[in-house]
Amino acid sequence: MNTPEQKYPAKVQLALRHLDAAGVPRRQSAPLLHRVLWRSGVTVAPPMLASMTANTLLMGVWFAFAWGLLMWLLLWRGSTLSSAMAVFAALVAGAGFGLLMAALMRGLRLRHRLPLWRDLPDTPPA
């Protein structure tokens, strides 16, 4: 039987098995953004195994883009707010969100006593 995980890169499959064994719910170990990246062949660490820097950048960048676009379409487009200020606000919001989520993921990783992505082997043990 084919599962969606079989389409993920090998190291991701290994990491997900490791997270499952630690009792981490799948909604935390494989969020939608990461599943889309994995199905596209991008080998990115599950958020609980990623470093603070990687989580801050990945989560902050997509949030800054999505939140900034939404705010522009709903509020800022008809206001006197300059484009530069709108971009700055989106970047600040993205940085704040990225740092908050990275800290949350780090706390969960430490609570479950999980290794960092770089400490996992590239292939499953034989």
PDB file of N, CA and C in Angstrom:
ATOM      1  N   MET A   1       0.839  -1.171   0.000  1.00  0.00           N
ATOM      2  CA  MET A   1       0.000   0.000   0.000  1.00  0.00           C
ATOM      3  C   MET A   1       0.886   1.237   0.000  1.00  0.00           C
ATOM      4  N   ASN A   2       0.577   2.180  -0.851  1.00  0.00           N
ATOM      5  CA  ASN A   2       1.340   3.422  -0.933  1.00  0.00           C
ATOM      6  C   ASN A   2       0.782   4.439   0.057  1.00  0.00           C
ATOM      7  N   THR A   3       1.673   5.023   0.826  1.00  0.00           N
ATOM      8  CA  THR A   3       1.282   6.093   1.736  1.00  0.00           C
ATOM      9  C   THR A   3       1.912   7.374   1.227  1.00  0.00           C
ATOM     10  N   PRO A   4       1.348   8.532   1.586  1.00  0.00           N
ATOM     11  CA  PRO A   4       1.943   9.794   1.138  1.00  0.00           C
ATOM     12  C   PRO A   4       3.395   9.942   1.591  1.00  0.00           C
ATOM     13  N   GLU A   5       3.736   9.348   2.747  1.00  0.00           N
ATOM     14  CA  GLU A   5       5.099   9.469   3.257  1.00  0.00           C
ATOM     15  C   GLU A   5       6.133   8.810   2.367  1.00  0.00           C
ATOM     16  N   GLN A   6       5.735   7.834   1.550  1.00  0.00           N
ATOM     17  CA  GLN A   6       6.682   7.170   0.676  1.00  0.00           C
ATOM     18  C   GLN A   6       7.191   8.109  -0.406  1.00  0.00           C
ATOM     19  N   LYS A   7       6.494   9.242  -0.615  1.00  0.00           N
ATOM     20  CA  LYS A   7       6.932  10.227  -1.602  1.00  0.00           C
ATOM     21  C   LYS A   7       7.924  11.221  -0.995  1.00  0.00           C
ATOM     22  N   TYR A   8       8.098  11.173   0.314  1.00  0.00           N
ATOM     23  CA  TYR A   8       9.002  12.099   0.991  1.00  0.00           C
ATOM     24  C   TYR A   8      10.448  11.626   0.838  1.00  0.00           C
ATOM     25  N   PRO A   9      11.407  12.547   0.938  1.00  0.00           N
ATOM     26  CA  PRO A   9      12.820  12.137   0.922  1.00  0.00           C
ATOM     27  C   PRO A   9      13.124  11.155   2.067  1.00  0.00           C
ATOM     28  N   ALA A  10      14.127  10.301   1.865  1.00  0.00           N
ATOM     29  CA  ALA A  10      14.436   9.233   2.820  1.00  0.00           C
ATOM     30  C   ALA A  10      14.718   9.757   4.226  1.00  0.00           C
ATOM     31  N   LYS A  11      15.460  10.843   4.332  1.00  0.00           N
ATOM     32  CA  LYS A  11      15.783  11.366   5.670  1.00  0.00           C
ATOM     33  C   LYS A  11      14.529  11.881   6.364  1.00  0.00           C
ATOM     34  N   VAL A  12      13.605  12.413   5.617  1.00  0.00           N
ATOM     35  CA  VAL A  12      12.342  12.890   6.194  1.00  0.00           C
ATOM     36  C   VAL A  12      11.532  11.703   6.713  1.00  0.00           C
ATOM     37  N   GLN A  13      11.475  10.624   5.936  1.00  0.00           N
ATOM     38  CA  GLN A  13      10.767   9.429   6.373  1.00  0.00           C
ATOM     39  C   GLN A  13      11.358   8.905   7.683  1.00  0.00           C
ATOM     40  N   LEU A  14      12.687   8.884   7.762  1.00  0.00           N
ATOM     41  CA  LEU A  14      13.364   8.434   8.980  1.00  0.00           C
ATOM     42  C   LEU A  14      13.030   9.349  10.157  1.00  0.00           C
ATOM     43  N   ALA A  15      13.042  10.644   9.926  1.00  0.00           N
ATOM     44  CA  ALA A  15      12.740  11.602  10.989  1.00  0.00           C
ATOM     45  C   ALA A  15      11.307  11.438  11.474  1.00  0.00           C
ATOM     46  N   LEU A  16      10.369  11.229  10.555  1.00  0.00           N
ATOM     47  CA  LEU A  16       8.966  11.059  10.947  1.00  0.00           C
ATOM     48  C   LEU A  16       8.766   9.781  11.754  1.00  0.00           C
ATOM     49  N   ARG A  17       9.460   8.722  11.395  1.00  0.00           N
ATOM     50  CA  ARG A  17       9.390   7.490  12.199  1.00  0.00           C
ATOM     51  C   ARG A  17       9.941   7.742  13.596  1.00  0.00           C
ATOM     52  N   HIS A  18      11.014   8.519  13.679  1.00  0.00           N
ATOM     53  CA  HIS A  18      11.615   8.859  14.971  1.00  0.00           C
ATOM     54  C   HIS A  18      10.630   9.683  15.821  1.00  0.00           C
ATOM     55  N   LEU A  19       9.966  10.630  15.202  1.00  0.00           N
ATOM     56  CA  LEU A  19       8.984  11.459  15.911  1.00  0.00           C
ATOM     57  C   LEU A  19       7.774  10.635  16.338  1.00  0.00           C
ATOM     58  N   ASP A  20       7.326   9.720  15.477  1.00  0.00           N
ATOM     59  CA  ASP A  20       6.210   8.838  15.835  1.00  0.00           C
ATOM     60  C   ASP A  20       6.570   7.985  17.054  1.00  0.00           C
ATOM     61  N   ALA A  21       7.791   7.455  17.070  1.00  0.00           N
ATOM     62  CA  ALA A  21       8.237   6.627  18.188  1.00  0.00           C
ATOM     63  C   ALA A  21       8.304   7.427  19.490  1.00  0.00           C
ATOM     64  N   ALA A  22       8.550   8.724  19.392  1.00  0.00           N
ATOM     65  CA  ALA A  22       8.610   9.580  20.582  1.00  0.00           C
ATOM     66  C   ALA A  22       7.221  10.011  21.035  1.00  0.00           C
ATOM     67  N   GLY A  23       6.181   9.643  20.280  1.00  0.00           N
ATOM     68  CA  GLY A  23       4.821   9.973  20.661  1.00  0.00           C
ATOM     69  C   GLY A  23       4.362  11.360  20.252  1.00  0.00           C
ATOM     70  N   VAL A  24       5.045  11.949  19.272  1.00  0.00           N
ATOM     71  CA  VAL A  24       4.675  13.281  18.809  1.00  0.00           C
ATOM     72  C   VAL A  24       3.499  13.149  17.834  1.00  0.00           C
ATOM     73  N   PRO A  25       2.409  13.894  18.072  1.00  0.00           N
ATOM     74  CA  PRO A  25       1.281  13.832  17.138  1.00  0.00           C
ATOM     75  C   PRO A  25       1.698  14.300  15.746  1.00  0.00           C
ATOM     76  N   ARG A  26       1.134  13.696  14.723  1.00  0.00           N
ATOM     77  CA  ARG A  26       1.513  13.990  13.348  1.00  0.00           C
ATOM     78  C   ARG A  26       1.224  15.442  12.968  1.00  0.00           C
ATOM     79  N   ARG A  27       0.209  16.049  13.568  1.00  0.00           N
ATOM     80  CA  ARG A  27      -0.095  17.452  13.253  1.00  0.00           C
ATOM     81  C   ARG A  27       1.021  18.379  13.705  1.00  0.00           C
ATOM     82  N   GLN A  28       1.828  17.949  14.682  1.00  0.00           N
ATOM     83  CA  GLN A  28       2.972  18.743  15.121  1.00  0.00           C
ATOM     84  C   GLN A  28       4.241  18.374  14.363  1.00  0.00           C
ATOM     85  N   SER A  29       4.375  17.124  14.004  1.00  0.00           N
ATOM     86  CA  SER A  29       5.615  16.692  13.359  1.00  0.00           C
ATOM     87  C   SER A  29       5.630  16.953  11.858  1.00  0.00           C
ATOM     88  N   ALA A  30       4.445  17.097  11.247  1.00  0.00           N
ATOM     89  CA  ALA A  30       4.385  17.282   9.794  1.00  0.00           C
ATOM     90  C   ALA A  30       3.300  18.292   9.431  1.00  0.00           C
ATOM     91  N   PRO A  31       3.548  19.586   9.667  1.00  0.00           N
ATOM     92  CA  PRO A  31       2.546  20.585   9.281  1.00  0.00           C
ATOM     93  C   PRO A  31       2.413  20.693   7.758  1.00  0.00           C
ATOM     94  N   LEU A  32       1.331  21.324   7.339  1.00  0.00           N
ATOM     95  CA  LEU A  32       0.995  21.409   5.918  1.00  0.00           C
ATOM     96  C   LEU A  32       2.129  21.987   5.065  1.00  0.00           C
ATOM     97  N   LEU A  33       2.723  23.085   5.492  1.00  0.00           N
ATOM     98  CA  LEU A  33       3.812  23.705   4.726  1.00  0.00           C
ATOM     99  C   LEU A  33       4.935  22.706   4.481  1.00  0.00           C
ATOM    100  N   HIS A  34       5.302  21.959   5.493  1.00  0.00           N
ATOM    101  CA  HIS A  34       6.387  20.982   5.362  1.00  0.00           C
ATOM    102  C   HIS A  34       5.981  19.819   4.462  1.00  0.00           C
ATOM    103  N   ARG A  35       4.737  19.357   4.584  1.00  0.00           N
ATOM    104  CA  ARG A  35       4.283  18.250   3.711  1.00  0.00           C
ATOM    105  C   ARG A  35       4.323  18.659   2.247  1.00  0.00           C
ATOM    106  N   VAL A  36       3.940  19.897   1.963  1.00  0.00           N
ATOM    107  CA  VAL A  36       3.989  20.382   0.578  1.00  0.00           C
ATOM    108  C   VAL A  36       5.433  20.412   0.084  1.00  0.00           C
ATOM    109  N   LEU A  37       6.338  20.914   0.913  1.00  0.00           N
ATOM    110  CA  LEU A  37       7.755  20.956   0.525  1.00  0.00           C
ATOM    111  C   LEU A  37       8.305  19.553   0.306  1.00  0.00           C
ATOM    112  N   TRP A  38       7.987  18.623   1.209  1.00  0.00           N
ATOM    113  CA  TRP A  38       8.483  17.251   1.088  1.00  0.00           C
ATOM    114  C   TRP A  38       7.954  16.579  -0.172  1.00  0.00           C
ATOM    115  N   ARG A  39       6.683  16.775  -0.477  1.00  0.00           N
ATOM    116  CA  ARG A  39       6.121  16.167  -1.694  1.00  0.00           C
ATOM    117  C   ARG A  39       6.733  16.756  -2.951  1.00  0.00           C
ATOM    118  N   SER A  40       7.256  17.967  -2.828  1.00  0.00           N
ATOM    119  CA  SER A  40       7.940  18.611  -3.956  1.00  0.00           C
ATOM    120  C   SER A  40       9.395  18.157  -4.062  1.00  0.00           C
ATOM    121  N   GLY A  41       9.830  17.310  -3.131  1.00  0.00           N
ATOM    122  CA  GLY A  41      11.190  16.802  -3.152  1.00  0.00           C
ATOM    123  C   GLY A  41      12.188  17.642  -2.367  1.00  0.00           C
ATOM    124  N   VAL A  42      11.703  18.640  -1.645  1.00  0.00           N
ATOM    125  CA  VAL A  42      12.586  19.497  -0.845  1.00  0.00           C
ATOM    126  C   VAL A  42      12.817  18.819   0.496  1.00  0.00           C
ATOM    127  N   THR A  43      14.067  18.566   0.831  1.00  0.00           N
ATOM    128  CA  THR A  43      14.405  17.929   2.099  1.00  0.00           C
ATOM    129  C   THR A  43      14.635  19.012   3.143  1.00  0.00           C
ATOM    130  N   VAL A  44      13.597  19.304   3.891  1.00  0.00           N
ATOM    131  CA  VAL A  44      13.665  20.287   4.961  1.00  0.00           C
ATOM    132  C   VAL A  44      13.296  19.561   6.257  1.00  0.00           C
ATOM    133  N   ALA A  45      13.919  19.953   7.336  1.00  0.00           N
ATOM    134  CA  ALA A  45      13.701  19.285   8.617  1.00  0.00           C
ATOM    135  C   ALA A  45      12.282  19.484   9.118  1.00  0.00           C
ATOM    136  N   PRO A  46      11.697  18.449   9.746  1.00  0.00           N
ATOM    137  CA  PRO A  46      10.436  18.677  10.441  1.00  0.00           C
ATOM    138  C   PRO A  46      10.655  19.780  11.485  1.00  0.00           C
ATOM    139  N   PRO A  47       9.660  20.619  11.734  1.00  0.00           N
ATOM    140  CA  PRO A  47       9.889  21.781  12.580  1.00  0.00           C
ATOM    141  C   PRO A  47      10.411  21.459  13.977  1.00  0.00           C
ATOM    142  N   MET A  48      10.025  20.320  14.537  1.00  0.00           N
ATOM    143  CA  MET A  48      10.508  19.993  15.886  1.00  0.00           C
ATOM    144  C   MET A  48      11.974  19.585  15.909  1.00  0.00           C
ATOM    145  N   LEU A  49      12.527  19.220  14.767  1.00  0.00           N
ATOM    146  CA  LEU A  49      13.928  18.804  14.711  1.00  0.00           C
ATOM    147  C   LEU A  49      14.829  19.882  14.121  1.00  0.00           C
ATOM    148  N   ALA A  50      14.232  20.939  13.604  1.00  0.00           N
ATOM    149  CA  ALA A  50      15.004  22.007  12.952  1.00  0.00           C
ATOM    150  C   ALA A  50      15.635  22.933  13.999  1.00  0.00           C
ATOM    151  N   SER A  51      16.646  23.637  13.581  1.00  0.00           N
ATOM    152  CA  SER A  51      17.309  24.605  14.463  1.00  0.00           C
ATOM    153  C   SER A  51      16.432  25.839  14.635  1.00  0.00           C
ATOM    154  N   MET A  52      16.758  26.643  15.636  1.00  0.00           N
ATOM    155  CA  MET A  52      16.023  27.898  15.861  1.00  0.00           C
ATOM    156  C   MET A  52      16.100  28.782  14.615  1.00  0.00           C
ATOM    157  N   THR A  53      17.281  28.870  14.016  1.00  0.00           N
ATOM    158  CA  THR A  53      17.466  29.720  12.844  1.00  0.00           C
ATOM    159  C   THR A  53      16.607  29.248  11.673  1.00  0.00           C
ATOM    160  N   ALA A  54      16.634  27.947  11.400  1.00  0.00           N
ATOM    161  CA  ALA A  54      15.855  27.404  10.285  1.00  0.00           C
ATOM    162  C   ALA A  54      14.360  27.625  10.500  1.00  0.00           C
ATOM    163  N   ASN A  55      13.877  27.364  11.719  1.00  0.00           N
ATOM    164  CA  ASN A  55      12.456  27.569  11.996  1.00  0.00           C
ATOM    165  C   ASN A  55      12.074  29.042  11.915  1.00  0.00           C
ATOM    166  N   THR A  56      12.918  29.914  12.444  1.00  0.00           N
ATOM    167  CA  THR A  56      12.617  31.347  12.396  1.00  0.00           C
ATOM    168  C   THR A  56      12.506  31.810  10.952  1.00  0.00           C
ATOM    169  N   LEU A  57      13.449  31.402  10.110  1.00  0.00           N
ATOM    170  CA  LEU A  57      13.427  31.828   8.713  1.00  0.00           C
ATOM    171  C   LEU A  57      12.253  31.230   7.941  1.00  0.00           C
ATOM    172  N   LEU A  58      12.071  29.914   8.034  1.00  0.00           N
ATOM    173  CA  LEU A  58      11.019  29.268   7.247  1.00  0.00           C
ATOM    174  C   LEU A  58       9.640  29.765   7.671  1.00  0.00           C
ATOM    175  N   MET A  59       9.380  29.772   8.956  1.00  0.00           N
ATOM    176  CA  MET A  59       8.054  30.175   9.417  1.00  0.00           C
ATOM    177  C   MET A  59       7.850  31.679   9.324  1.00  0.00           C
ATOM    178  N   GLY A  60       8.912  32.444   9.557  1.00  0.00           N
ATOM    179  CA  GLY A  60       8.800  33.893   9.500  1.00  0.00           C
ATOM    180  C   GLY A  60       8.599  34.426   8.099  1.00  0.00           C
ATOM    181  N   VAL A  61       9.296  33.845   7.132  1.00  0.00           N
ATOM    182  CA  VAL A  61       9.196  34.331   5.750  1.00  0.00           C
ATOM    183  C   VAL A  61       7.802  34.090   5.183  1.00  0.00           C
ATOM    184  N   TRP A  62       7.281  32.868   5.338  1.00  0.00           N
ATOM    185  CA  TRP A  62       5.950  32.619   4.768  1.00  0.00           C
ATOM    186  C   TRP A  62       4.901  33.449   5.488  1.00  0.00           C
ATOM    187  N   PHE A  63       5.043  33.626   6.831  1.00  0.00           N
ATOM    188  CA  PHE A  63       4.061  34.422   7.568  1.00  0.00           C
ATOM    189  C   PHE A  63       4.124  35.886   7.141  1.00  0.00           C
ATOM    190  N   ALA A  64       5.331  36.429   7.002  1.00  0.00           N
ATOM    191  CA  ALA A  64       5.467  37.831   6.593  1.00  0.00           C
ATOM    192  C   ALA A  64       4.806  38.055   5.237  1.00  0.00           C
ATOM    193  N   PHE A  65       5.027  37.141   4.310  1.00  0.00           N
ATOM    194  CA  PHE A  65       4.431  37.271   2.982  1.00  0.00           C
ATOM    195  C   PHE A  65       2.904  37.178   3.052  1.00  0.00           C
ATOM    196  N   ALA A  66       2.391  36.120   3.689  1.00  0.00           N
ATOM    197  CA  ALA A  66       0.944  35.899   3.738  1.00  0.00           C
ATOM    198  C   ALA A  66       0.237  36.997   4.537  1.00  0.00           C
ATOM    199  N   TRP A  67       0.771  37.341   5.691  1.00  0.00           N
ATOM    200  CA  TRP A  67       0.146  38.362   6.536  1.00  0.00           C
ATOM    201  C   TRP A  67       0.219  39.726   5.865  1.00  0.00           C
ATOM    202  N   GLY A  68       1.361  40.052   5.286  1.00  0.00           N
ATOM    203  CA  GLY A  68       1.508  41.333   4.606  1.00  0.00           C
ATOM    204  C   GLY A  68       0.560  41.471   3.431  1.00  0.00           C
ATOM    205  N   LEU A  69       0.433  40.408   2.646  1.00  0.00           N
ATOM    206  CA  LEU A  69      -0.486  40.430   1.508  1.00  0.00           C
ATOM    207  C   LEU A  69      -1.930  40.588   1.978  1.00  0.00           C
ATOM    208  N   LEU A  70      -2.304  39.826   2.989  1.00  0.00           N
ATOM    209  CA  LEU A  70      -3.660  39.913   3.519  1.00  0.00           C
ATOM    210  C   LEU A  70      -3.955  41.309   4.086  1.00  0.00           C
ATOM    211  N   MET A  71      -3.033  41.854   4.850  1.00  0.00           N
ATOM    212  CA  MET A  71      -3.223  43.187   5.421  1.00  0.00           C
ATOM    213  C   MET A  71      -3.302  44.239   4.316  1.00  0.00           C
ATOM    214  N   TRP A  72      -2.494  44.081   3.282  1.00  0.00           N
ATOM    215  CA  TRP A  72      -2.524  45.041   2.174  1.00  0.00           C
ATOM    216  C   TRP A  72      -3.884  45.010   1.472  1.00  0.00           C
ATOM    217  N   LEU A  73      -4.357  43.801   1.216  1.00  0.00           N
ATOM    218  CA  LEU A  73      -5.631  43.672   0.503  1.00  0.00           C
ATOM    219  C   LEU A  73      -6.820  44.138   1.344  1.00  0.00           C
ATOM    220  N   LEU A  74      -6.787  43.884   2.645  1.00  0.00           N
ATOM    221  CA  LEU A  74      -7.940  44.201   3.484  1.00  0.00           C
ATOM    222  C   LEU A  74      -7.903  45.597   4.102  1.00  0.00           C
ATOM    223  N   LEU A  75      -6.725  46.079   4.462  1.00  0.00           N
ATOM    224  CA  LEU A  75      -6.668  47.333   5.216  1.00  0.00           C
ATOM    225  C   LEU A  75      -5.790  48.417   4.606  1.00  0.00           C
ATOM    226  N   TRP A  76      -4.600  48.071   4.248  1.00  0.00           N
ATOM    227  CA  TRP A  76      -3.610  49.091   3.937  1.00  0.00           C
ATOM    228  C   TRP A  76      -3.754  49.687   2.546  1.00  0.00           C
ATOM    229  N   ARG A  77      -4.333  48.976   1.626  1.00  0.00           N
ATOM    230  CA  ARG A  77      -4.415  49.443   0.243  1.00  0.00           C
ATOM    231  C   ARG A  77      -5.134  50.788   0.141  1.00  0.00           C
ATOM    232  N   GLY A  78      -6.194  50.958   0.899  1.00  0.00           N
ATOM    233  CA  GLY A  78      -6.956  52.194   0.827  1.00  0.00           C
ATOM    234  C   GLY A  78      -6.529  53.241   1.835  1.00  0.00           C
ATOM    235  N   SER A  79      -5.466  52.961   2.579  1.00  0.00           N
ATOM    236  CA  SER A  79      -5.027  53.900   3.614  1.00  0.00           C
ATOM    237  C   SER A  79      -3.857  54.742   3.105  1.00  0.00           C
ATOM    238  N   THR A  80      -3.391  55.623   3.972  1.00  0.00           N
ATOM    239  CA  THR A  80      -2.258  56.488   3.622  1.00  0.00           C
ATOM    240  C   THR A  80      -0.923  55.834   3.961  1.00  0.00           C
ATOM    241  N   LEU A  81      -0.946  54.588   4.405  1.00  0.00           N
ATOM    242  CA  LEU A  81       0.289  53.882   4.754  1.00  0.00           C
ATOM    243  C   LEU A  81       1.145  53.673   3.503  1.00  0.00           C
ATOM    244  N   SER A  82       2.405  54.042   3.606  1.00  0.00           N
ATOM    245  CA  SER A  82       3.297  53.889   2.451  1.00  0.00           C
ATOM    246  C   SER A  82       3.635  52.414   2.227  1.00  0.00           C
ATOM    247  N   SER A  83       4.040  52.084   1.024  1.00  0.00           N
ATOM    248  CA  SER A  83       4.431  50.706   0.701  1.00  0.00           C
ATOM    249  C   SER A  83       5.624  50.269   1.537  1.00  0.00           C
ATOM    250  N   ALA A  84       6.563  51.171   1.739  1.00  0.00           N
ATOM    251  CA  ALA A  84       7.749  50.840   2.543  1.00  0.00           C
ATOM    252  C   ALA A  84       7.354  50.505   3.977  1.00  0.00           C
ATOM    253  N   MET A  85       6.435  51.253   4.538  1.00  0.00           N
ATOM    254  CA  MET A  85       5.992  50.987   5.906  1.00  0.00           C
ATOM    255  C   MET A  85       5.221  49.669   5.980  1.00  0.00           C
ATOM    256  N   ALA A  86       4.445  49.360   4.949  1.00  0.00           N
ATOM    257  CA  ALA A  86       3.712  48.095   4.911  1.00  0.00           C
ATOM    258  C   ALA A  86       4.680  46.914   4.856  1.00  0.00           C
ATOM    259  N   VAL A  87       5.712  47.026   4.046  1.00  0.00           N
ATOM    260  CA  VAL A  87       6.723  45.963   3.963  1.00  0.00           C
ATOM    261  C   VAL A  87       7.444  45.825   5.299  1.00  0.00           C
ATOM    262  N   PHE A  88       7.790  46.934   5.918  1.00  0.00           N
ATOM    263  CA  PHE A  88       8.457  46.905   7.222  1.00  0.00           C
ATOM    264  C   PHE A  88       7.568  46.226   8.267  1.00  0.00           C
ATOM    265  N   ALA A  89       6.293  46.574   8.298  1.00  0.00           N
ATOM    266  CA  ALA A  89       5.365  45.970   9.254  1.00  0.00           C
ATOM    267  C   ALA A  89       5.249  44.462   9.025  1.00  0.00           C
ATOM    268  N   ALA A  90       5.194  44.050   7.761  1.00  0.00           N
ATOM    269  CA  ALA A  90       5.107  42.620   7.448  1.00  0.00           C
ATOM    270  C   ALA A  90       6.373  41.896   7.885  1.00  0.00           C
ATOM    271  N   LEU A  91       7.533  42.518   7.680  1.00  0.00           N
ATOM    272  CA  LEU A  91       8.788  41.895   8.102  1.00  0.00           C
ATOM    273  C   LEU A  91       8.880  41.771   9.619  1.00  0.00           C
ATOM    274  N   VAL A  92       8.437  42.789  10.334  1.00  0.00           N
ATOM    275  CA  VAL A  92       8.448  42.736  11.804  1.00  0.00           C
ATOM    276  C   VAL A  92       7.491  41.650  12.294  1.00  0.00           C
ATOM    277  N   ALA A  93       6.298  41.592  11.701  1.00  0.00           N
ATOM    278  CA  ALA A  93       5.334  40.553  12.084  1.00  0.00           C
ATOM    279  C   ALA A  93       5.893  39.157  11.781  1.00  0.00           C
ATOM    280  N   GLY A  94       6.533  39.002  10.633  1.00  0.00           N
ATOM    281  CA  GLY A  94       7.124  37.717  10.274  1.00  0.00           C
ATOM    282  C   GLY A  94       8.247  37.319  11.213  1.00  0.00           C
ATOM    283  N   ALA A  95       9.082  38.288  11.574  1.00  0.00           N
ATOM    284  CA  ALA A  95      10.184  37.997  12.508  1.00  0.00           C
ATOM    285  C   ALA A  95       9.639  37.594  13.873  1.00  0.00           C
ATOM    286  N   GLY A  96       8.630  38.308  14.342  1.00  0.00           N
ATOM    287  CA  GLY A  96       8.030  37.969  15.634  1.00  0.00           C
ATOM    288  C   GLY A  96       7.389  36.598  15.618  1.00  0.00           C
ATOM    289  N   PHE A  97       6.617  36.315  14.580  1.00  0.00           N
ATOM    290  CA  PHE A  97       5.972  35.011  14.461  1.00  0.00           C
ATOM    291  C   PHE A  97       7.013  33.902  14.329  1.00  0.00           C
ATOM    292  N   GLY A  98       8.018  34.129  13.495  1.00  0.00           N
ATOM    293  CA  GLY A  98       9.054  33.122  13.302  1.00  0.00           C
ATOM    294  C   GLY A  98       9.799  32.809  14.588  1.00  0.00           C
ATOM    295  N   LEU A  99      10.153  33.836  15.358  1.00  0.00           N
ATOM    296  CA  LEU A  99      10.845  33.613  16.635  1.00  0.00           C
ATOM    297  C   LEU A  99       9.967  32.889  17.640  1.00  0.00           C
ATOM    298  N   LEU A 100       8.701  33.271  17.704  1.00  0.00           N
ATOM    299  CA  LEU A 100       7.775  32.624  18.631  1.00  0.00           C
ATOM    300  C   LEU A 100       7.598  31.145  18.287  1.00  0.00           C
ATOM    301  N   MET A 101       7.395  30.851  17.017  1.00  0.00           N
ATOM    302  CA  MET A 101       7.217  29.459  16.611  1.00  0.00           C
ATOM    303  C   MET A 101       8.501  28.643  16.773  1.00  0.00           C
ATOM    304  N   ALA A 102       9.643  29.266  16.500  1.00  0.00           N
ATOM    305  CA  ALA A 102      10.916  28.567  16.683  1.00  0.00           C
ATOM    306  C   ALA A 102      11.137  28.229  18.155  1.00  0.00           C
ATOM    307  N   ALA A 103      10.801  29.146  19.037  1.00  0.00           N
ATOM    308  CA  ALA A 103      10.944  28.889  20.472  1.00  0.00           C
ATOM    309  C   ALA A 103       9.991  27.777  20.914  1.00  0.00           C
ATOM    310  N   LEU A 104       8.772  27.786  20.386  1.00  0.00           N
ATOM    311  CA  LEU A 104       7.805  26.739  20.703  1.00  0.00           C
ATOM    312  C   LEU A 104       8.312  25.375  20.233  1.00  0.00           C
ATOM    313  N   MET A 105       8.810  25.297  19.009  1.00  0.00           N
ATOM    314  CA  MET A 105       9.327  24.029  18.484  1.00  0.00           C
ATOM    315  C   MET A 105      10.545  23.543  19.270  1.00  0.00           C
ATOM    316  N   ARG A 106      11.399  24.468  19.669  1.00  0.00           N
ATOM    317  CA  ARG A 106      12.567  24.094  20.482  1.00  0.00           C
ATOM    318  C   ARG A 106      12.123  23.525  21.816  1.00  0.00           C
ATOM    319  N   GLY A 107      11.130  24.152  22.441  1.00  0.00           N
ATOM    320  CA  GLY A 107      10.606  23.654  23.712  1.00  0.00           C
ATOM    321  C   GLY A 107      10.016  22.262  23.580  1.00  0.00           C
ATOM    322  N   LEU A 108       9.271  22.028  22.510  1.00  0.00           N
ATOM    323  CA  LEU A 108       8.702  20.700  22.282  1.00  0.00           C
ATOM    324  C   LEU A 108       9.799  19.666  22.026  1.00  0.00           C
ATOM    325  N   ARG A 109      10.817  20.062  21.259  1.00  0.00           N
ATOM    326  CA  ARG A 109      11.928  19.134  20.992  1.00  0.00           C
ATOM    327  C   ARG A 109      12.631  18.743  22.286  1.00  0.00           C
ATOM    328  N   LEU A 110      12.870  19.716  23.155  1.00  0.00           N
ATOM    329  CA  LEU A 110      13.534  19.420  24.428  1.00  0.00           C
ATOM    330  C   LEU A 110      12.640  18.588  25.342  1.00  0.00           C
ATOM    331  N   ARG A 111      11.342  18.865  25.346  1.00  0.00           N
ATOM    332  CA  ARG A 111      10.416  18.107  26.193  1.00  0.00           C
ATOM    333  C   ARG A 111      10.380  16.641  25.789  1.00  0.00           C
ATOM    334  N   HIS A 112      10.409  16.380  24.487  1.00  0.00           N
ATOM    335  CA  HIS A 112      10.373  14.992  23.982  1.00  0.00           C
ATOM    336  C   HIS A 112      11.772  14.380  23.879  1.00  0.00           C
ATOM    337  N   ARG A 113      12.796  15.148  24.239  1.00  0.00           N
ATOM    338  CA  ARG A 113      14.204  14.690  24.188  1.00  0.00           C
ATOM    339  C   ARG A 113      14.571  14.180  22.792  1.00  0.00           C
ATOM    340  N   LEU A 114      14.289  15.018  21.801  1.00  0.00           N
ATOM    341  CA  LEU A 114      14.566  14.664  20.413  1.00  0.00           C
ATOM    342  C   LEU A 114      15.873  15.294  19.947  1.00  0.00           C
ATOM    343  N   PRO A 115      16.554  14.644  19.005  1.00  0.00           N
ATOM    344  CA  PRO A 115      17.804  15.211  18.477  1.00  0.00           C
ATOM    345  C   PRO A 115      17.511  16.299  17.442  1.00  0.00           C
ATOM    346  N   LEU A 116      18.516  17.068  17.143  1.00  0.00           N
ATOM    347  CA  LEU A 116      18.415  18.016  16.036  1.00  0.00           C
ATOM    348  C   LEU A 116      18.486  17.247  14.716  1.00  0.00           C
ATOM    349  N   TRP A 117      17.991  17.857  13.675  1.00  0.00           N
ATOM    350  CA  TRP A 117      17.997  17.279  12.327  1.00  0.00           C
ATOM    351  C   TRP A 117      19.392  16.860  11.911  1.00  0.00           C
ATOM    352  N   ARG A 118      20.369  17.696  12.175  1.00  0.00           N
ATOM    353  CA  ARG A 118      21.740  17.402  11.735  1.00  0.00           C
ATOM    354  C   ARG A 118      22.334  16.190  12.454  1.00  0.00           C
ATOM    355  N   ASP A 119      21.759  15.792  13.597  1.00  0.00           N
ATOM    356  CA  ASP A 119      22.260  14.646  14.344  1.00  0.00           C
ATOM    357  C   ASP A 119      21.634  13.322  13.903  1.00  0.00           C
ATOM    358  N   LEU A 120      20.627  13.380  13.046  1.00  0.00           N
ATOM    359  CA  LEU A 120      20.026  12.156  12.521  1.00  0.00           C
ATOM    360  C   LEU A 120      20.872  11.617  11.370  1.00  0.00           C
ATOM    361  N   PRO A 121      20.931  10.291  11.221  1.00  0.00           N
ATOM    362  CA  PRO A 121      21.655   9.757  10.061  1.00  0.00           C
ATOM    363  C   PRO A 121      20.918  10.070   8.760  1.00  0.00           C
ATOM    364  N   ASP A 122      21.649  10.093   7.665  1.00  0.00           N
ATOM    365  CA  ASP A 122      21.035  10.393   6.363  1.00  0.00           C
ATOM    366  C   ASP A 122      20.209   9.236   5.822  1.00  0.00           C
ATOM    367  N   THR A 123      20.529   8.030   6.231  1.00  0.00           N
ATOM    368  CA  THR A 123      19.802   6.849   5.781  1.00  0.00           C
ATOM    369  C   THR A 123      19.426   5.998   6.994  1.00  0.00           C
ATOM    370  N   PRO A 124      18.362   5.219   6.885  1.00  0.00           N
ATOM    371  CA  PRO A 124      17.968   4.360   8.005  1.00  0.00           C
ATOM    372  C   PRO A 124      19.038   3.315   8.279  1.00  0.00           C
ATOM    373  N   PRO A 125      19.210   2.957   9.552  1.00  0.00           N
ATOM    374  CA  PRO A 125      20.186   1.904   9.861  1.00  0.00           C
ATOM    375  C   PRO A 125      19.742   0.569   9.278  1.00  0.00           C
ATOM    376  N   ALA A 126      20.713  -0.214   8.862  1.00  0.00           N
ATOM    377  CA  ALA A 126      20.415  -1.502   8.212  1.00  0.00           C
ATOM    378  C   ALA A 126      20.009  -2.546   9.212  1.00  0.00           C
TER     379      ALA A 126
END
